[in-house]
Protein backbone atom coordinates (compact mmCIF):
# COMPACT_ATOMS: atom_id res chain seq x y z
CA UNK A 1 74.97 89.26 109.22
CA UNK A 2 74.49 92.76 107.82
CA UNK A 3 76.70 94.03 105.01
CA UNK A 4 77.15 97.27 106.91
CA UNK A 5 80.05 97.62 109.33
CA UNK A 6 78.77 100.41 111.53
CA UNK A 7 80.20 99.08 114.78
CA UNK A 8 83.77 98.58 113.67
CA UNK A 9 85.78 95.52 112.78
CA UNK A 10 85.72 92.58 115.16
CA UNK A 11 87.31 89.72 113.22
CA UNK A 12 89.41 90.22 110.11
CA UNK A 13 91.92 88.16 108.23
CA UNK A 14 93.60 91.29 106.83
CA UNK A 15 94.78 94.12 109.11
CA UNK A 16 93.20 97.55 108.83
CA UNK A 17 95.12 100.47 107.37
CA UNK A 18 92.47 103.17 107.90
CA UNK A 19 89.61 103.59 110.38
CA UNK A 20 87.06 106.41 110.21
CA UNK A 21 85.02 106.30 113.41
CA UNK A 22 82.04 108.39 114.46
CA UNK A 23 82.96 111.31 112.21
CA UNK A 24 80.66 114.32 111.91
CA UNK A 25 81.02 117.52 109.89
CA UNK A 26 78.55 120.34 109.38
CA UNK A 27 78.78 123.45 107.19
CA UNK A 28 76.52 126.35 108.24
CA UNK A 29 74.06 123.95 109.82
CA UNK A 30 74.11 121.44 106.97
CA UNK A 31 75.40 118.06 108.09
CA UNK A 32 77.67 116.88 105.29
CA UNK A 33 79.01 113.92 107.29
CA UNK A 34 76.77 112.22 109.85
CA UNK A 35 78.27 109.65 112.26
CA UNK A 36 80.37 108.11 109.49
CA UNK A 37 82.13 104.81 110.13
CA UNK A 38 84.40 103.39 107.45
CA UNK A 39 87.14 100.75 107.61
CA UNK A 40 89.73 100.02 104.92
CA UNK A 41 91.93 96.93 104.94
CA UNK A 42 95.60 96.80 103.98
CA UNK A 43 95.88 96.26 100.21
CA UNK A 44 92.14 96.66 99.65
CA UNK A 45 90.54 98.25 96.59
CA UNK A 46 87.31 99.89 97.74
CA UNK A 47 84.82 101.74 95.56
CA UNK A 48 82.59 104.45 97.02
CA UNK A 49 79.39 105.56 95.32
CA UNK A 50 76.45 107.75 96.19
CA UNK A 51 74.24 110.56 94.89
CA UNK A 52 75.42 114.15 94.64
CA UNK A 53 75.56 115.65 98.12
CA UNK A 54 76.15 112.27 99.77
CA UNK A 55 79.38 113.52 101.36
CA UNK A 56 81.90 111.75 99.15
CA UNK A 57 84.18 114.76 98.57
CA UNK A 58 83.96 115.86 102.20
CA UNK A 59 84.85 112.30 103.20
CA UNK A 60 88.07 112.51 101.16
CA UNK A 61 88.75 116.06 102.38
CA UNK A 62 88.62 114.84 105.97
CA UNK A 63 90.98 111.91 105.33
CA UNK A 64 93.56 114.18 103.67
CA UNK A 65 93.30 116.99 106.23
CA UNK A 66 91.73 119.50 103.86
CA UNK A 67 88.72 119.63 106.19
CA UNK A 68 88.76 119.01 109.93
CA UNK A 69 85.76 117.09 111.34
CA UNK A 70 83.66 118.45 114.18
CA UNK A 71 84.01 115.15 116.02
CA UNK A 72 85.24 111.60 115.54
CA UNK A 73 88.58 110.10 114.58
CA UNK A 74 90.44 109.15 111.40
CA UNK A 75 93.16 106.66 112.27
CA UNK A 76 96.02 105.55 110.07
CA UNK A 77 97.22 102.18 111.31
CA UNK A 78 101.00 102.00 111.09
CA UNK A 79 102.98 98.86 110.38
CA UNK A 80 104.92 99.31 113.62
CA UNK A 81 101.75 99.48 115.70
CA UNK A 82 101.96 103.22 116.34
CA UNK A 83 98.58 104.41 115.05
CA UNK A 84 98.10 108.06 114.12
CA UNK A 85 94.93 110.15 114.45
CA UNK A 86 94.96 112.17 111.24
CA UNK A 87 92.48 114.82 112.40
CA UNK A 88 95.27 116.41 114.43
CA UNK A 89 97.60 116.76 111.45
CA UNK A 90 98.02 119.22 108.57
CA UNK A 91 97.65 118.25 104.90
CA UNK A 92 101.38 118.01 104.18
CA UNK A 93 101.93 115.89 107.29
CA UNK A 94 99.23 113.45 106.18
CA UNK A 95 100.74 113.30 102.71
CA UNK A 96 104.14 112.48 104.18
CA UNK A 97 102.58 109.56 106.04
CA UNK A 98 101.74 108.00 102.69
CA UNK A 99 98.24 109.17 101.76
CA UNK A 100 98.01 110.50 98.20
CA UNK A 101 94.98 111.98 96.47
CA UNK A 102 94.09 112.30 92.82
CA UNK A 103 91.32 114.72 91.89
CA UNK A 104 88.91 114.25 88.98
CA UNK A 105 90.68 116.75 86.71
CA UNK A 106 94.24 115.60 85.96
CA UNK A 107 96.95 117.94 87.28
CA UNK A 108 100.24 117.35 85.48
CA UNK A 109 103.14 119.57 84.43
CA UNK A 110 102.14 119.99 80.80
CA UNK A 111 105.35 121.70 79.68
CA UNK A 112 107.50 118.90 81.13
CA UNK A 113 108.06 115.42 79.75
CA UNK A 114 106.33 112.37 81.14
CA UNK A 115 109.65 111.29 82.64
CA UNK A 116 110.26 114.67 84.30
CA UNK A 117 106.76 114.66 85.79
CA UNK A 118 107.65 111.45 87.56
CA UNK A 119 111.07 112.75 88.64
CA UNK A 120 109.41 115.78 90.22
CA UNK A 121 107.03 113.48 92.12
CA UNK A 122 109.66 111.21 93.66
CA UNK A 123 109.55 110.85 97.41
CA UNK A 124 112.82 112.54 98.29
CA UNK A 125 114.16 115.57 100.14
CA UNK A 126 112.68 118.87 98.96
CA UNK A 127 113.98 122.40 98.87
CA UNK A 128 115.24 124.85 96.26
CA UNK A 129 118.92 123.93 96.53
CA UNK A 130 118.33 120.19 96.76
CA UNK A 131 116.04 120.30 93.74
CA UNK A 132 118.46 122.46 91.75
CA UNK A 133 121.44 120.18 92.43
CA UNK A 134 119.46 116.95 92.16
CA UNK A 135 121.23 114.09 90.41
CA UNK A 136 119.27 111.05 89.38
CA UNK A 137 120.28 107.86 91.15
CA UNK A 138 119.99 104.31 89.84
CA UNK A 139 117.29 103.73 92.46
CA UNK A 140 115.32 106.75 91.23
CA UNK A 141 115.51 105.59 87.62
CA UNK A 142 114.47 102.08 88.55
CA UNK A 143 111.45 103.48 90.41
CA UNK A 144 110.45 105.67 87.47
CA UNK A 145 110.79 102.87 84.93
CA UNK A 146 108.67 100.61 87.12
CA UNK A 147 105.98 103.30 87.35
CA UNK A 148 106.08 103.86 83.58
CA UNK A 149 105.53 100.16 83.05
CA UNK A 150 102.63 100.13 85.49
CA UNK A 151 100.84 103.06 83.84
CA UNK A 152 101.76 101.83 80.32
CA UNK A 153 103.41 105.04 79.17
CA UNK A 154 106.89 103.69 78.34
CA UNK A 155 106.49 104.74 74.71
CA UNK A 156 105.60 108.34 75.70
CA UNK A 157 108.44 108.80 78.18
CA UNK A 158 110.06 111.74 76.32
CA UNK A 159 106.81 113.39 75.17
CA UNK A 160 105.49 116.51 76.84
CA UNK A 161 102.67 115.72 79.26
CA UNK A 162 100.53 118.31 77.48
CA UNK A 163 100.56 116.13 74.35
CA UNK A 164 98.93 113.19 76.10
CA UNK A 165 95.27 112.27 75.72
CA UNK A 166 92.91 112.87 78.62
CA UNK A 167 93.12 109.25 79.68
CA UNK A 168 96.91 109.21 79.47
CA UNK A 169 97.09 112.33 81.64
CA UNK A 170 94.97 110.51 84.22
CA UNK A 171 97.37 107.56 84.16
CA UNK A 172 100.36 109.87 84.44
CA UNK A 173 98.90 111.55 87.50
CA UNK A 174 98.29 108.14 89.08
CA UNK A 175 101.92 107.39 88.25
CA UNK A 176 102.99 110.62 89.95
CA UNK A 177 101.25 109.43 93.10
CA UNK A 178 102.87 106.01 92.82
CA UNK A 179 106.31 107.65 92.56
CA UNK A 180 105.74 108.97 96.07
CA UNK A 181 105.44 105.43 97.44
CA UNK A 182 102.00 105.88 99.02
CA UNK A 183 100.28 103.46 101.39
CA UNK A 184 96.79 104.75 100.51
CA UNK A 185 95.58 106.17 97.19
CA UNK A 186 92.40 108.28 97.08
CA UNK A 187 91.18 108.51 93.49
CA UNK A 188 88.23 110.68 92.46
CA UNK A 189 86.26 109.68 89.34
CA UNK A 190 89.19 108.35 87.30
CA UNK A 191 86.98 107.27 84.39
CA UNK A 192 85.34 110.67 83.86
CA UNK A 193 85.70 111.89 80.27
CA UNK A 194 87.44 108.75 79.04
CA UNK A 195 86.76 106.64 75.98
CA UNK A 196 85.55 103.07 76.51
CA UNK A 197 89.03 101.72 75.78
CA UNK A 198 90.68 104.16 78.18
CA UNK A 199 88.12 103.32 80.86
CA UNK A 200 88.84 99.61 80.55
CA UNK A 201 92.60 100.20 80.72
CA UNK A 202 92.13 102.41 83.78
CA UNK A 203 90.23 99.60 85.47
CA UNK A 204 93.07 97.20 84.66
CA UNK A 205 95.57 99.68 86.10
CA UNK A 206 93.70 100.03 89.38
CA UNK A 207 93.20 96.28 89.69
CA UNK A 208 96.94 95.87 89.17
CA UNK A 209 97.58 98.15 92.16
CA UNK A 210 95.41 96.07 94.47
CA UNK A 211 97.36 94.34 97.25
CA UNK A 212 100.39 96.59 96.56
CA UNK A 213 98.53 99.68 97.80
CA UNK A 214 95.23 100.40 99.52
CA UNK A 215 92.81 102.32 97.30
CA UNK A 216 89.58 104.25 97.72
CA UNK A 217 87.97 105.02 94.36
CA UNK A 218 84.99 107.37 94.05
CA UNK A 219 83.12 106.85 90.80
CA UNK A 220 79.70 107.28 89.14
CA UNK A 221 80.20 105.04 86.10
CA UNK A 222 78.49 101.83 87.17
CA UNK A 223 80.01 99.74 84.39
CA UNK A 224 83.45 100.87 85.48
CA UNK A 225 82.58 100.06 89.09
CA UNK A 226 81.41 96.62 88.00
CA UNK A 227 84.84 96.08 86.41
CA UNK A 228 86.90 96.97 89.49
CA UNK A 229 84.56 96.42 92.43
CA UNK A 230 85.51 94.07 95.22
CA UNK A 231 83.54 95.80 97.94
CA UNK A 232 81.29 98.80 97.41
CA UNK A 233 80.40 101.43 100.01
CA UNK A 234 77.30 103.51 99.36
CA UNK A 235 77.19 106.92 101.03
CA UNK A 236 73.91 108.77 101.54
CA UNK A 237 73.39 111.95 103.56
CA UNK A 238 76.87 111.69 105.02
CA UNK A 239 76.77 108.13 106.34
CA UNK A 240 77.13 104.56 105.10
CA UNK A 241 73.85 103.36 103.65
CA UNK A 242 75.10 99.97 102.46
CA UNK A 243 78.29 97.96 102.02
CA UNK A 244 78.83 94.73 100.16
CA UNK A 245 79.57 93.19 96.79
CA UNK A 246 78.57 95.00 93.61
CA UNK A 247 75.65 92.64 92.95
CA UNK A 248 74.38 92.90 96.50
CA UNK A 249 74.55 96.68 96.54
CA UNK A 250 73.06 97.05 93.07
CA UNK A 251 70.00 94.99 94.04
CA UNK A 252 69.42 96.64 97.41
CA UNK A 253 66.05 98.49 97.42
CA UNK A 254 67.34 101.43 99.48
CA UNK A 255 70.31 101.94 97.14
CA UNK A 256 68.06 101.74 94.09
CA UNK A 257 65.72 104.32 95.61
CA UNK A 258 68.29 106.93 96.61
CA UNK A 259 70.90 106.46 93.89
CA UNK A 260 70.66 103.82 91.16
CA UNK A 261 67.08 104.71 90.27
CA UNK A 262 68.13 108.33 89.73
CA UNK A 263 71.10 107.20 87.64
CA UNK A 264 68.76 105.23 85.38
CA UNK A 265 66.50 108.24 84.90
CA UNK A 266 69.52 110.36 83.89
CA UNK A 267 70.57 107.77 81.32
CA UNK A 268 67.03 107.64 79.93
CA UNK A 269 66.96 111.41 79.51
CA UNK A 270 70.24 111.53 77.57
């Protein structure tokens, strides 16, 4: 049986949380996404790789509603059986359904403490008056302390976010997403710019989120991918070139030709 799942899921032990089916997107004649089919299981940690221009960012843009596809569907499978086609929704509506995205460059409130960053991210009623008169509840505090423990920043709770290292800012932003109680986390190159120690700790953090949340992680660092990979999806020219285990994907001739071979040449030229 092929590693690729181009015709959709037939038999699965774990229910799907996200289905991307027959999606196409072109920009000024350039086809960024070409008949893309992608299926994510509930609680799955999936890594997505591919060369520059493979469509990885556009793929995430489409899931989050930043970009609307020309055709195809993006379905969020709800626990109550009422599935939702995300292509009909706006970005904020998709976010409210429990899909959170972290970009490569960390975006935190640098002049606020670590704790306050998490408070501001809590999934609660918004609005100027409600925010101004907000009073922390025991439930809110419990949620924040649990997130702090998960991202290992308990000792920095009262420090300004701007004082954190690059890696710690990345963890804080992941924590800010977790405070929203997401079903799906989209994480773009979390290991970029990190030290080896920070990279390893980031991998441990993401592995710890597996089963509790569903994650799609886009990354170029192959050693980091080796650390966290359960199933790897390789994108090329806007569609799925290969899917499978890290070892299977790494040894695939087509993947080596279009991506891994180029990565090796870059490393040699450093």
